[in-house]
Each structure stands twice: as C-alpha cells, then as structure tokens.
C-alpha cells in the first residue's frame, strides 16, 4: 500500500512539473476528462513526461477544446430560450 501512495505522490509531482499553471485554465469538463485520462495512465504504473503532455493536448485540443465548449454552451442556451 505504501508503494501505491508513493507512486501516486510521484505522479502528482510529475503532473505539476510538466503541466504546471496550465491546469488552472481548464474548464470543468476538461478537468474531469483529464482527470480520468491521467487516472488510467497512473494505473499503468509507469509514465513519461511526453505521455502527460500528450494527455493534456488530447483533451484540450482534440476532445474538448474551449472553443467547442463555448459553441455548445451557446447552442444549449439558444435551445432553452426557443
């Protein structure tokens, strides 16, 4: 169990080092998606800086970019007022 805790602490430190302040700019949806994606990476037990960067890029640029989220929010808003 202590090994799991140490691995998690190392993982969190690596995420902070690699992704840093960019995490603060994420939307709630991006945070949830990135958290799930990083969780799967942590479960592997081994990761690289490139993998951490790749997960961030995949979520923020391809899966759920903020521009898409804004369009979706505007669409949903217009549907509610119709």
C-alpha atoms as a PDB file:
ATOM      1  CA  UNK A   1       0.000   0.000   0.000  1.00  0.00           C
ATOM      2  CA  UNK A   2       2.853   2.398   0.782  1.00  0.00           C
ATOM      3  CA  UNK A   3       4.219   1.741  -2.708  1.00  0.00           C
ATOM      4  CA  UNK A   4       0.867   2.850  -4.195  1.00  0.00           C
ATOM      5  CA  UNK A   5       0.911   6.028  -2.143  1.00  0.00           C
ATOM      6  CA  UNK A   6       4.493   6.789  -3.156  1.00  0.00           C
ATOM      7  CA  UNK A   7       3.669   6.142  -6.796  1.00  0.00           C
ATOM      8  CA  UNK A   8       0.661   8.485  -6.581  1.00  0.00           C
ATOM      9  CA  UNK A   9       2.749  11.216  -4.946  1.00  0.00           C
ATOM     10  CA  UNK A  10       5.411  10.895  -7.648  1.00  0.00           C
ATOM     11  CA  UNK A  11       2.720  11.015 -10.314  1.00  0.00           C
ATOM     12  CA  UNK A  12       1.163  14.192  -8.867  1.00  0.00           C
ATOM     13  CA  UNK A  13       4.585  15.849  -8.684  1.00  0.00           C
ATOM     14  CA  UNK A  14       5.281  14.906 -12.298  1.00  0.00           C
ATOM     15  CA  UNK A  15       1.907  16.249 -13.448  1.00  0.00           C
ATOM     16  CA  UNK A  16       2.524  19.545 -11.657  1.00  0.00           C
ATOM     17  CA  UNK A  17       6.040  19.817 -13.066  1.00  0.00           C
ATOM     18  CA  UNK A  18       5.039  19.017 -16.652  1.00  0.00           C
ATOM     19  CA  UNK A  19       1.651  20.735 -16.877  1.00  0.00           C
ATOM     20  CA  UNK A  20       2.138  23.426 -14.247  1.00  0.00           C
ATOM     21  CA  UNK A  21      -0.047  26.516 -14.387  1.00  0.00           C
ATOM     22  CA  UNK A  22      -1.893  25.326 -17.479  1.00  0.00           C
ATOM     23  CA  UNK A  23      -4.079  23.214 -15.220  1.00  0.00           C
ATOM     24  CA  UNK A  24      -5.661  26.355 -13.748  1.00  0.00           C
ATOM     25  CA  UNK A  25      -7.004  27.379 -17.170  1.00  0.00           C
ATOM     26  CA  UNK A  26      -9.024  24.223 -17.747  1.00  0.00           C
ATOM     27  CA  UNK A  27     -12.814  24.214 -17.885  1.00  0.00           C
ATOM     28  CA  UNK A  28     -14.678  21.900 -15.516  1.00  0.00           C
ATOM     29  CA  UNK A  29     -15.341  19.450 -18.356  1.00  0.00           C
ATOM     30  CA  UNK A  30     -11.669  19.457 -19.363  1.00  0.00           C
ATOM     31  CA  UNK A  31     -10.658  18.857 -15.738  1.00  0.00           C
ATOM     32  CA  UNK A  32     -12.971  15.855 -15.481  1.00  0.00           C
ATOM     33  CA  UNK A  33     -11.790  14.382 -18.764  1.00  0.00           C
ATOM     34  CA  UNK A  34      -8.114  14.964 -17.978  1.00  0.00           C
ATOM     35  CA  UNK A  35      -8.532  13.503 -14.504  1.00  0.00           C
ATOM     36  CA  UNK A  36      -9.974  10.296 -15.950  1.00  0.00           C
ATOM     37  CA  UNK A  37      -7.298  10.105 -18.622  1.00  0.00           C
ATOM     38  CA  UNK A  38      -4.477  10.698 -16.146  1.00  0.00           C
ATOM     39  CA  UNK A  39      -6.028   8.151 -13.787  1.00  0.00           C
ATOM     40  CA  UNK A  40      -5.739   5.481 -16.461  1.00  0.00           C
ATOM     41  CA  UNK A  41      -2.113   6.479 -17.001  1.00  0.00           C
ATOM     42  CA  UNK A  42      -1.415   6.245 -13.261  1.00  0.00           C
ATOM     43  CA  UNK A  43      -2.993   2.772 -13.196  1.00  0.00           C
ATOM     44  CA  UNK A  44      -0.380   1.634 -15.723  1.00  0.00           C
ATOM     45  CA  UNK A  45       2.214   2.351 -13.038  1.00  0.00           C
ATOM     46  CA  UNK A  46       4.698   3.870 -15.448  1.00  0.00           C
ATOM     47  CA  UNK A  47       4.581   7.119 -17.441  1.00  0.00           C
ATOM     48  CA  UNK A  48       6.731   9.653 -19.235  1.00  0.00           C
ATOM     49  CA  UNK A  49       6.613  13.433 -19.454  1.00  0.00           C
ATOM     50  CA  UNK A  50       5.592  13.072 -23.096  1.00  0.00           C
ATOM     51  CA  UNK A  51       2.615  10.930 -22.106  1.00  0.00           C
ATOM     52  CA  UNK A  52       1.474  13.527 -19.565  1.00  0.00           C
ATOM     53  CA  UNK A  53       1.839  16.274 -22.166  1.00  0.00           C
ATOM     54  CA  UNK A  54       0.017  14.128 -24.710  1.00  0.00           C
ATOM     55  CA  UNK A  55      -2.953  13.523 -22.425  1.00  0.00           C
ATOM     56  CA  UNK A  56      -3.231  17.266 -21.798  1.00  0.00           C
ATOM     57  CA  UNK A  57      -3.019  18.062 -25.507  1.00  0.00           C
ATOM     58  CA  UNK A  58      -5.516  15.375 -26.448  1.00  0.00           C
ATOM     59  CA  UNK A  59      -8.150  16.743 -24.054  1.00  0.00           C
ATOM     60  CA  UNK A  60      -7.581  20.467 -24.577  1.00  0.00           C
ATOM     61  CA  UNK A  61      -7.056  20.453 -28.354  1.00  0.00           C
ATOM     62  CA  UNK A  62      -8.961  17.461 -29.702  1.00  0.00           C
ATOM     63  CA  UNK A  63     -11.562  16.022 -27.314  1.00  0.00           C
ATOM     64  CA  UNK A  64     -12.953  19.159 -25.699  1.00  0.00           C
ATOM     65  CA  UNK A  65     -11.324  22.428 -26.795  1.00  0.00           C
ATOM     66  CA  UNK A  66     -12.725  25.540 -25.123  1.00  0.00           C
ATOM     67  CA  UNK A  67     -13.924  26.913 -28.457  1.00  0.00           C
ATOM     68  CA  UNK A  68     -16.112  23.822 -28.903  1.00  0.00           C
ATOM     69  CA  UNK A  69     -17.409  24.127 -25.354  1.00  0.00           C
ATOM     70  CA  UNK A  70     -18.401  27.762 -25.958  1.00  0.00           C
ATOM     71  CA  UNK A  71     -20.264  26.856 -29.157  1.00  0.00           C
ATOM     72  CA  UNK A  72     -22.034  24.031 -27.325  1.00  0.00           C
ATOM     73  CA  UNK A  73     -22.988  26.331 -24.442  1.00  0.00           C
ATOM     74  CA  UNK A  74     -24.372  28.943 -26.866  1.00  0.00           C
ATOM     75  CA  UNK A  75     -26.334  26.275 -28.709  1.00  0.00           C
ATOM     76  CA  UNK A  76     -27.765  24.893 -25.472  1.00  0.00           C
ATOM     77  CA  UNK A  77     -28.671  28.391 -24.335  1.00  0.00           C
ATOM     78  CA  UNK A  78     -30.459  29.152 -27.603  1.00  0.00           C
ATOM     79  CA  UNK A  79     -32.394  25.875 -27.334  1.00  0.00           C
ATOM     80  CA  UNK A  80     -33.603  26.788 -23.843  1.00  0.00           C
ATOM     81  CA  UNK A  81     -34.947  30.172 -24.977  1.00  0.00           C
ATOM     82  CA  UNK A  82     -36.744  28.734 -28.022  1.00  0.00           C
END
